[in-house]
PDB file of N, CA and C in Angstrom:
ATOM      1  N   MET A   1     -11.970  16.016 -20.350  1.00  0.00           N
ATOM      2  CA  MET A   1     -13.043  15.387 -19.612  1.00  0.00           C
ATOM      3  C   MET A   1     -12.502  14.301 -18.708  1.00  0.00           C
ATOM      4  N   TYR A   2     -13.134  14.145 -17.585  1.00  0.00           N
ATOM      5  CA  TYR A   2     -12.691  13.137 -16.623  1.00  0.00           C
ATOM      6  C   TYR A   2     -13.040  11.724 -17.086  1.00  0.00           C
ATOM      7  N   GLY A   3     -14.159  11.541 -17.740  1.00  0.00           N
ATOM      8  CA  GLY A   3     -14.613  10.215 -18.148  1.00  0.00           C
ATOM      9  C   GLY A   3     -14.036   9.760 -19.478  1.00  0.00           C
ATOM     10  N   ASP A   4     -13.180  10.543 -20.088  1.00  0.00           N
ATOM     11  CA  ASP A   4     -12.607  10.192 -21.381  1.00  0.00           C
ATOM     12  C   ASP A   4     -11.611   9.042 -21.233  1.00  0.00           C
ATOM     13  N   MET A   5     -11.892   7.894 -21.805  1.00  0.00           N
ATOM     14  CA  MET A   5     -11.034   6.716 -21.664  1.00  0.00           C
ATOM     15  C   MET A   5      -9.858   6.739 -22.646  1.00  0.00           C
ATOM     16  N   MET A   6      -9.826   7.685 -23.561  1.00  0.00           N
ATOM     17  CA  MET A   6      -8.745   7.742 -24.532  1.00  0.00           C
ATOM     18  C   MET A   6      -7.515   8.458 -23.987  1.00  0.00           C
ATOM     19  N   GLY A   7      -7.666   9.226 -22.940  1.00  0.00           N
ATOM     20  CA  GLY A   7      -6.541   9.964 -22.387  1.00  0.00           C
ATOM     21  C   GLY A   7      -5.826   9.177 -21.305  1.00  0.00           C
ATOM     22  N   TRP A   8      -4.765   9.748 -20.753  1.00  0.00           N
ATOM     23  CA  TRP A   8      -3.973   9.088 -19.722  1.00  0.00           C
ATOM     24  C   TRP A   8      -4.707   8.989 -18.384  1.00  0.00           C
ATOM     25  N   GLY A   9      -5.671   9.810 -18.165  1.00  0.00           N
ATOM     26  CA  GLY A   9      -6.351   9.839 -16.878  1.00  0.00           C
ATOM     27  C   GLY A   9      -7.419   8.773 -16.717  1.00  0.00           C
ATOM     28  N   GLY A  10      -7.817   8.108 -17.773  1.00  0.00           N
ATOM     29  CA  GLY A  10      -8.902   7.146 -17.697  1.00  0.00           C
ATOM     30  C   GLY A  10      -8.421   5.734 -17.374  1.00  0.00           C
ATOM     31  N   GLY A  11      -9.328   4.910 -16.981  1.00  0.00           N
ATOM     32  CA  GLY A  11      -9.012   3.515 -16.712  1.00  0.00           C
ATOM     33  C   GLY A  11      -8.263   3.320 -15.410  1.00  0.00           C
ATOM     34  N   TRP A  12      -7.538   2.251 -15.334  1.00  0.00           N
ATOM     35  CA  TRP A  12      -6.810   1.893 -14.108  1.00  0.00           C
ATOM     36  C   TRP A  12      -5.377   2.405 -14.119  1.00  0.00           C
ATOM     37  N   GLY A  13      -4.925   2.909 -15.237  1.00  0.00           N
ATOM     38  CA  GLY A  13      -3.572   3.449 -15.300  1.00  0.00           C
ATOM     39  C   GLY A  13      -2.515   2.378 -15.110  1.00  0.00           C
ATOM     40  N   PHE A  14      -1.538   2.660 -14.273  1.00  0.00           N
ATOM     41  CA  PHE A  14      -0.418   1.744 -14.031  1.00  0.00           C
ATOM     42  C   PHE A  14      -0.887   0.410 -13.459  1.00  0.00           C
ATOM     43  N   PHE A  15      -1.854   0.452 -12.556  1.00  0.00           N
ATOM     44  CA  PHE A  15      -2.343  -0.784 -11.933  1.00  0.00           C
ATOM     45  C   PHE A  15      -3.052  -1.676 -12.941  1.00  0.00           C
ATOM     46  N   GLY A  16      -3.671  -1.075 -13.920  1.00  0.00           N
ATOM     47  CA  GLY A  16      -4.298  -1.852 -14.984  1.00  0.00           C
ATOM     48  C   GLY A  16      -3.259  -2.586 -15.816  1.00  0.00           C
ATOM     49  N   MET A  17      -2.144  -1.912 -16.074  1.00  0.00           N
ATOM     50  CA  MET A  17      -1.074  -2.541 -16.836  1.00  0.00           C
ATOM     51  C   MET A  17      -0.468  -3.707 -16.051  1.00  0.00           C
ATOM     52  N   VAL A  18      -0.228  -3.511 -14.754  1.00  0.00           N
ATOM     53  CA  VAL A  18       0.316  -4.574 -13.913  1.00  0.00           C
ATOM     54  C   VAL A  18      -0.655  -5.750 -13.870  1.00  0.00           C
ATOM     55  N   HIS A  19      -1.929  -5.459 -13.736  1.00  0.00           N
ATOM     56  CA  HIS A  19      -2.945  -6.501 -13.708  1.00  0.00           C
ATOM     57  C   HIS A  19      -2.935  -7.297 -15.009  1.00  0.00           C
ATOM     58  N   MET A  20      -2.823  -6.607 -16.135  1.00  0.00           N
ATOM     59  CA  MET A  20      -2.816  -7.275 -17.425  1.00  0.00           C
ATOM     60  C   MET A  20      -1.585  -8.182 -17.561  1.00  0.00           C
ATOM     61  N   VAL A  21      -0.422  -7.701 -17.168  1.00  0.00           N
ATOM     62  CA  VAL A  21       0.805  -8.502 -17.251  1.00  0.00           C
ATOM     63  C   VAL A  21       0.693  -9.732 -16.349  1.00  0.00           C
ATOM     64  N   LEU A  22       0.182  -9.551 -15.131  1.00  0.00           N
ATOM     65  CA  LEU A  22       0.007 -10.690 -14.228  1.00  0.00           C
ATOM     66  C   LEU A  22      -0.989 -11.699 -14.791  1.00  0.00           C
ATOM     67  N   TRP A  23      -2.043 -11.226 -15.405  1.00  0.00           N
ATOM     68  CA  TRP A  23      -3.033 -12.107 -16.001  1.00  0.00           C
ATOM     69  C   TRP A  23      -2.405 -12.967 -17.098  1.00  0.00           C
ATOM     70  N   TRP A  24      -1.614 -12.339 -17.979  1.00  0.00           N
ATOM     71  CA  TRP A  24      -0.988 -13.096 -19.065  1.00  0.00           C
ATOM     72  C   TRP A  24       0.053 -14.079 -18.534  1.00  0.00           C
ATOM     73  N   LEU A  25       0.805 -13.685 -17.518  1.00  0.00           N
ATOM     74  CA  LEU A  25       1.760 -14.613 -16.917  1.00  0.00           C
ATOM     75  C   LEU A  25       1.056 -15.819 -16.311  1.00  0.00           C
ATOM     76  N   LEU A  26      -0.042 -15.569 -15.622  1.00  0.00           N
ATOM     77  CA  LEU A  26      -0.823 -16.656 -15.037  1.00  0.00           C
ATOM     78  C   LEU A  26      -1.382 -17.572 -16.117  1.00  0.00           C
ATOM     79  N   LEU A  27      -1.860 -17.005 -17.195  1.00  0.00           N
ATOM     80  CA  LEU A  27      -2.398 -17.797 -18.298  1.00  0.00           C
ATOM     81  C   LEU A  27      -1.320 -18.670 -18.932  1.00  0.00           C
ATOM     82  N   VAL A  28      -0.162 -18.096 -19.198  1.00  0.00           N
ATOM     83  CA  VAL A  28       0.936 -18.859 -19.798  1.00  0.00           C
ATOM     84  C   VAL A  28       1.408 -19.955 -18.846  1.00  0.00           C
ATOM     85  N   LEU A  29       1.533 -19.635 -17.557  1.00  0.00           N
ATOM     86  CA  LEU A  29       1.936 -20.630 -16.575  1.00  0.00           C
ATOM     87  C   LEU A  29       0.930 -21.779 -16.516  1.00  0.00           C
ATOM     88  N   GLY A  30      -0.346 -21.454 -16.574  1.00  0.00           N
ATOM     89  CA  GLY A  30      -1.373 -22.485 -16.584  1.00  0.00           C
ATOM     90  C   GLY A  30      -1.267 -23.395 -17.795  1.00  0.00           C
ATOM     91  N   ILE A  31      -0.997 -22.821 -18.946  1.00  0.00           N
ATOM     92  CA  ILE A  31      -0.839 -23.615 -20.167  1.00  0.00           C
ATOM     93  C   ILE A  31       0.378 -24.529 -20.060  1.00  0.00           C
ATOM     94  N   VAL A  32       1.480 -24.020 -19.514  1.00  0.00           N
ATOM     95  CA  VAL A  32       2.695 -24.826 -19.350  1.00  0.00           C
ATOM     96  C   VAL A  32       2.441 -25.990 -18.399  1.00  0.00           C
ATOM     97  N   VAL A  33       1.788 -25.716 -17.269  1.00  0.00           N
ATOM     98  CA  VAL A  33       1.498 -26.778 -16.306  1.00  0.00           C
ATOM     99  C   VAL A  33       0.572 -27.819 -16.918  1.00  0.00           C
ATOM    100  N   LEU A  34      -0.444 -27.380 -17.643  1.00  0.00           N
ATOM    101  CA  LEU A  34      -1.361 -28.303 -18.292  1.00  0.00           C
ATOM    102  C   LEU A  34      -0.636 -29.160 -19.332  1.00  0.00           C
ATOM    103  N   ALA A  35       0.220 -28.550 -20.137  1.00  0.00           N
ATOM    104  CA  ALA A  35       0.964 -29.303 -21.146  1.00  0.00           C
ATOM    105  C   ALA A  35       1.898 -30.315 -20.495  1.00  0.00           C
ATOM    106  N   LYS A  36       2.541 -29.931 -19.415  1.00  0.00           N
ATOM    107  CA  LYS A  36       3.436 -30.856 -18.722  1.00  0.00           C
ATOM    108  C   LYS A  36       2.650 -32.027 -18.142  1.00  0.00           C
ATOM    109  N   TRP A  37       1.475 -31.753 -17.626  1.00  0.00           N
ATOM    110  CA  TRP A  37       0.642 -32.814 -17.065  1.00  0.00           C
ATOM    111  C   TRP A  37       0.144 -33.752 -18.166  1.00  0.00           C
ATOM    112  N   VAL A  38      -0.297 -33.189 -19.300  1.00  0.00           N
ATOM    113  CA  VAL A  38      -0.840 -33.988 -20.395  1.00  0.00           C
ATOM    114  C   VAL A  38       0.247 -34.848 -21.037  1.00  0.00           C
ATOM    115  N   PHE A  39       1.421 -34.290 -21.229  1.00  0.00           N
ATOM    116  CA  PHE A  39       2.482 -35.002 -21.938  1.00  0.00           C
ATOM    117  C   PHE A  39       3.416 -35.756 -21.004  1.00  0.00           C
ATOM    118  N   GLY A  40       3.025 -35.931 -19.754  1.00  0.00           N
ATOM    119  CA  GLY A  40       3.779 -36.771 -18.825  1.00  0.00           C
ATOM    120  C   GLY A  40       5.090 -36.180 -18.382  1.00  0.00           C
ATOM    121  N   GLY A  41       5.066 -35.058 -17.752  1.00  0.00           N
ATOM    122  CA  GLY A  41       6.291 -34.413 -17.298  1.00  0.00           C
ATOM    123  C   GLY A  41       6.765 -34.875 -15.945  1.00  0.00           C
ATOM    124  N   THR A  42       6.281 -36.013 -15.438  1.00  0.00           N
ATOM    125  CA  THR A  42       6.674 -36.459 -14.109  1.00  0.00           C
ATOM    126  C   THR A  42       7.828 -37.442 -14.141  1.00  0.00           C
ATOM    127  N   GLY A  43       8.408 -37.715 -15.295  1.00  0.00           N
ATOM    128  CA  GLY A  43       9.426 -38.748 -15.403  1.00  0.00           C
ATOM    129  C   GLY A  43      10.845 -38.289 -15.147  1.00  0.00           C
ATOM    130  N   GLY A  44      11.060 -37.087 -14.678  1.00  0.00           N
ATOM    131  CA  GLY A  44      12.408 -36.577 -14.487  1.00  0.00           C
ATOM    132  C   GLY A  44      13.222 -37.383 -13.503  1.00  0.00           C
ATOM    133  N   ARG A  45      12.712 -37.593 -12.314  1.00  0.00           N
ATOM    134  CA  ARG A  45      13.450 -38.331 -11.286  1.00  0.00           C
ATOM    135  C   ARG A  45      13.564 -39.795 -11.667  1.00  0.00           C
ATOM    136  N   LYS A  46      12.502 -40.374 -12.178  1.00  0.00           N
ATOM    137  CA  LYS A  46      12.504 -41.788 -12.558  1.00  0.00           C
ATOM    138  C   LYS A  46      13.516 -42.039 -13.663  1.00  0.00           C
ATOM    139  N   ALA A  47      13.585 -41.154 -14.630  1.00  0.00           N
ATOM    140  CA  ALA A  47      14.527 -41.322 -15.737  1.00  0.00           C
ATOM    141  C   ALA A  47      15.964 -41.266 -15.231  1.00  0.00           C
ATOM    142  N   SER A  48      16.268 -40.377 -14.295  1.00  0.00           N
ATOM    143  CA  SER A  48      17.633 -40.284 -13.781  1.00  0.00           C
ATOM    144  C   SER A  48      17.979 -41.512 -12.953  1.00  0.00           C
ATOM    145  N   GLU A  49      16.996 -42.075 -12.221  1.00  0.00           N
ATOM    146  CA  GLU A  49      17.248 -43.304 -11.470  1.00  0.00           C
ATOM    147  C   GLU A  49      17.506 -44.470 -12.415  1.00  0.00           C
ATOM    148  N   ASP A  50      16.750 -44.556 -13.514  1.00  0.00           N
ATOM    149  CA  ASP A  50      16.964 -45.617 -14.498  1.00  0.00           C
ATOM    150  C   ASP A  50      18.348 -45.499 -15.121  1.00  0.00           C
ATOM    151  N   HIS A  51      18.767 -44.287 -15.402  1.00  0.00           N
ATOM    152  CA  HIS A  51      20.087 -44.062 -15.994  1.00  0.00           C
ATOM    153  C   HIS A  51      21.192 -44.466 -15.008  1.00  0.00           C
ATOM    154  N   ALA A  52      21.027 -44.104 -13.754  1.00  0.00           N
ATOM    155  CA  ALA A  52      22.028 -44.461 -12.745  1.00  0.00           C
ATOM    156  C   ALA A  52      22.107 -45.973 -12.569  1.00  0.00           C
ATOM    157  N   LEU A  53      20.970 -46.639 -12.586  1.00  0.00           N
ATOM    158  CA  LEU A  53      20.961 -48.097 -12.452  1.00  0.00           C
ATOM    159  C   LEU A  53      21.617 -48.751 -13.660  1.00  0.00           C
ATOM    160  N   ALA A  54      21.400 -48.201 -14.839  1.00  0.00           N
ATOM    161  CA  ALA A  54      22.037 -48.739 -16.045  1.00  0.00           C
ATOM    162  C   ALA A  54      23.558 -48.591 -15.965  1.00  0.00           C
ATOM    163  N   LEU A  55      24.021 -47.444 -15.463  1.00  0.00           N
ATOM    164  CA  LEU A  55      25.465 -47.254 -15.299  1.00  0.00           C
ATOM    165  C   LEU A  55      26.035 -48.218 -14.271  1.00  0.00           C
ATOM    166  N   LEU A  56      25.288 -48.443 -13.197  1.00  0.00           N
ATOM    167  CA  LEU A  56      25.734 -49.384 -12.171  1.00  0.00           C
ATOM    168  C   LEU A  56      25.837 -50.791 -12.749  1.00  0.00           C
ATOM    169  N   ARG A  57      24.868 -51.181 -13.549  1.00  0.00           N
ATOM    170  CA  ARG A  57      24.913 -52.503 -14.186  1.00  0.00           C
ATOM    171  C   ARG A  57      26.103 -52.632 -15.131  1.00  0.00           C
ATOM    172  N   GLU A  58      26.399 -51.561 -15.852  1.00  0.00           N
ATOM    173  CA  GLU A  58      27.557 -51.582 -16.750  1.00  0.00           C
ATOM    174  C   GLU A  58      28.853 -51.765 -15.967  1.00  0.00           C
ATOM    175  N   ARG A  59      28.989 -51.041 -14.853  1.00  0.00           N
ATOM    176  CA  ARG A  59      30.196 -51.172 -14.029  1.00  0.00           C
ATOM    177  C   ARG A  59      30.335 -52.588 -13.482  1.00  0.00           C
ATOM    178  N   TYR A  60      29.217 -53.193 -13.097  1.00  0.00           N
ATOM    179  CA  TYR A  60      29.238 -54.561 -12.594  1.00  0.00           C
ATOM    180  C   TYR A  60      29.606 -55.538 -13.714  1.00  0.00           C
ATOM    181  N   ALA A  61      29.043 -55.306 -14.880  1.00  0.00           N
ATOM    182  CA  ALA A  61      29.324 -56.186 -16.024  1.00  0.00           C
ATOM    183  C   ALA A  61      30.782 -56.098 -16.450  1.00  0.00           C
ATOM    184  N   ARG A  62      31.396 -54.930 -16.339  1.00  0.00           N
ATOM    185  CA  ARG A  62      32.810 -54.781 -16.713  1.00  0.00           C
ATOM    186  C   ARG A  62      33.751 -55.284 -15.624  1.00  0.00           C
ATOM    187  N   GLY A  63      33.192 -55.595 -14.459  1.00  0.00           N
ATOM    188  CA  GLY A  63      34.018 -56.090 -13.367  1.00  0.00           C
ATOM    189  C   GLY A  63      34.640 -54.993 -12.511  1.00  0.00           C
ATOM    190  N   GLU A  64      34.183 -53.768 -12.665  1.00  0.00           N
ATOM    191  CA  GLU A  64      34.730 -52.667 -11.878  1.00  0.00           C
ATOM    192  C   GLU A  64      34.307 -52.757 -10.415  1.00  0.00           C
ATOM    193  N   ILE A  65      33.124 -53.315 -10.178  1.00  0.00           N
ATOM    194  CA  ILE A  65      32.639 -53.484  -8.810  1.00  0.00           C
ATOM    195  C   ILE A  65      32.191 -54.930  -8.623  1.00  0.00           C
ATOM    196  N   GLY A  66      32.214 -55.383  -7.385  1.00  0.00           N
ATOM    197  CA  GLY A  66      31.797 -56.743  -7.075  1.00  0.00           C
ATOM    198  C   GLY A  66      30.298 -56.825  -6.824  1.00  0.00           C
ATOM    199  N   LYS A  67      29.831 -58.073  -6.619  1.00  0.00           N
ATOM    200  CA  LYS A  67      28.406 -58.300  -6.405  1.00  0.00           C
ATOM    201  C   LYS A  67      27.905 -57.614  -5.140  1.00  0.00           C
ATOM    202  N   GLU A  68      28.684 -57.680  -4.062  1.00  0.00           N
ATOM    203  CA  GLU A  68      28.251 -57.063  -2.811  1.00  0.00           C
ATOM    204  C   GLU A  68      28.081 -55.556  -2.970  1.00  0.00           C
ATOM    205  N   GLU A  69      29.061 -54.925  -3.617  1.00  0.00           N
ATOM    206  CA  GLU A  69      28.981 -53.479  -3.826  1.00  0.00           C
ATOM    207  C   GLU A  69      27.817 -53.130  -4.756  1.00  0.00           C
ATOM    208  N   PHE A  70      27.628 -53.943  -5.796  1.00  0.00           N
ATOM    209  CA  PHE A  70      26.508 -53.726  -6.713  1.00  0.00           C
ATOM    210  C   PHE A  70      25.178 -53.793  -5.974  1.00  0.00           C
ATOM    211  N   ASP A  71      25.011 -54.868  -5.169  1.00  0.00           N
ATOM    212  CA  ASP A  71      23.759 -55.032  -4.432  1.00  0.00           C
ATOM    213  C   ASP A  71      23.522 -53.888  -3.455  1.00  0.00           C
ATOM    214  N   GLN A  72      24.574 -53.448  -2.775  1.00  0.00           N
ATOM    215  CA  GLN A  72      24.426 -52.359  -1.805  1.00  0.00           C
ATOM    216  C   GLN A  72      24.048 -51.047  -2.490  1.00  0.00           C
ATOM    217  N   LYS A  73      24.730 -50.734  -3.582  1.00  0.00           N
ATOM    218  CA  LYS A  73      24.430 -49.489  -4.304  1.00  0.00           C
ATOM    219  C   LYS A  73      23.034 -49.531  -4.920  1.00  0.00           C
ATOM    220  N   LYS A  74      22.640 -50.695  -5.438  1.00  0.00           N
ATOM    221  CA  LYS A  74      21.304 -50.831  -5.996  1.00  0.00           C
ATOM    222  C   LYS A  74      20.246 -50.656  -4.906  1.00  0.00           C
ATOM    223  N   LYS A  75      20.499 -51.223  -3.751  1.00  0.00           N
ATOM    224  CA  LYS A  75      19.570 -51.074  -2.625  1.00  0.00           C
ATOM    225  C   LYS A  75      19.485 -49.604  -2.197  1.00  0.00           C
ATOM    226  N   ASP A  76      20.620 -48.924  -2.160  1.00  0.00           N
ATOM    227  CA  ASP A  76      20.637 -47.503  -1.784  1.00  0.00           C
ATOM    228  C   ASP A  76      19.840 -46.656  -2.782  1.00  0.00           C
ATOM    229  N   MET A  77      19.916 -46.991  -4.078  1.00  0.00           N
ATOM    230  CA  MET A  77      19.225 -46.204  -5.093  1.00  0.00           C
ATOM    231  C   MET A  77      17.725 -46.438  -5.073  1.00  0.00           C
ATOM    232  N   THR A  78      17.296 -47.641  -4.785  1.00  0.00           N
ATOM    233  CA  THR A  78      15.880 -47.951  -4.858  1.00  0.00           C
ATOM    234  C   THR A  78      15.117 -47.639  -3.585  1.00  0.00           C
ATOM    235  N   SER A  79      15.821 -47.375  -2.498  1.00  0.00           N
ATOM    236  CA  SER A  79      15.102 -47.073  -1.247  1.00  0.00           C
ATOM    237  C   SER A  79      14.910 -45.593  -1.047  1.00  0.00           C
TER     238      SER A  79
END
């Protein structure tokens, strides 16, 4: 029978499978984006800048760089 949904000829066939996979990917992506937004996933760049500034301060404290170089590098990082 043509209307039999249990056989291979019924439904959307291959396109239905692609649609289902795309739907689940979209759903999972939405959950990931929502979780990142809720749990504060925007700190990546800020955290790396804080780490770089901490390393710069350590180098200055150890005397590896002078005040002028420290100030210039700090200005470059914050602008």
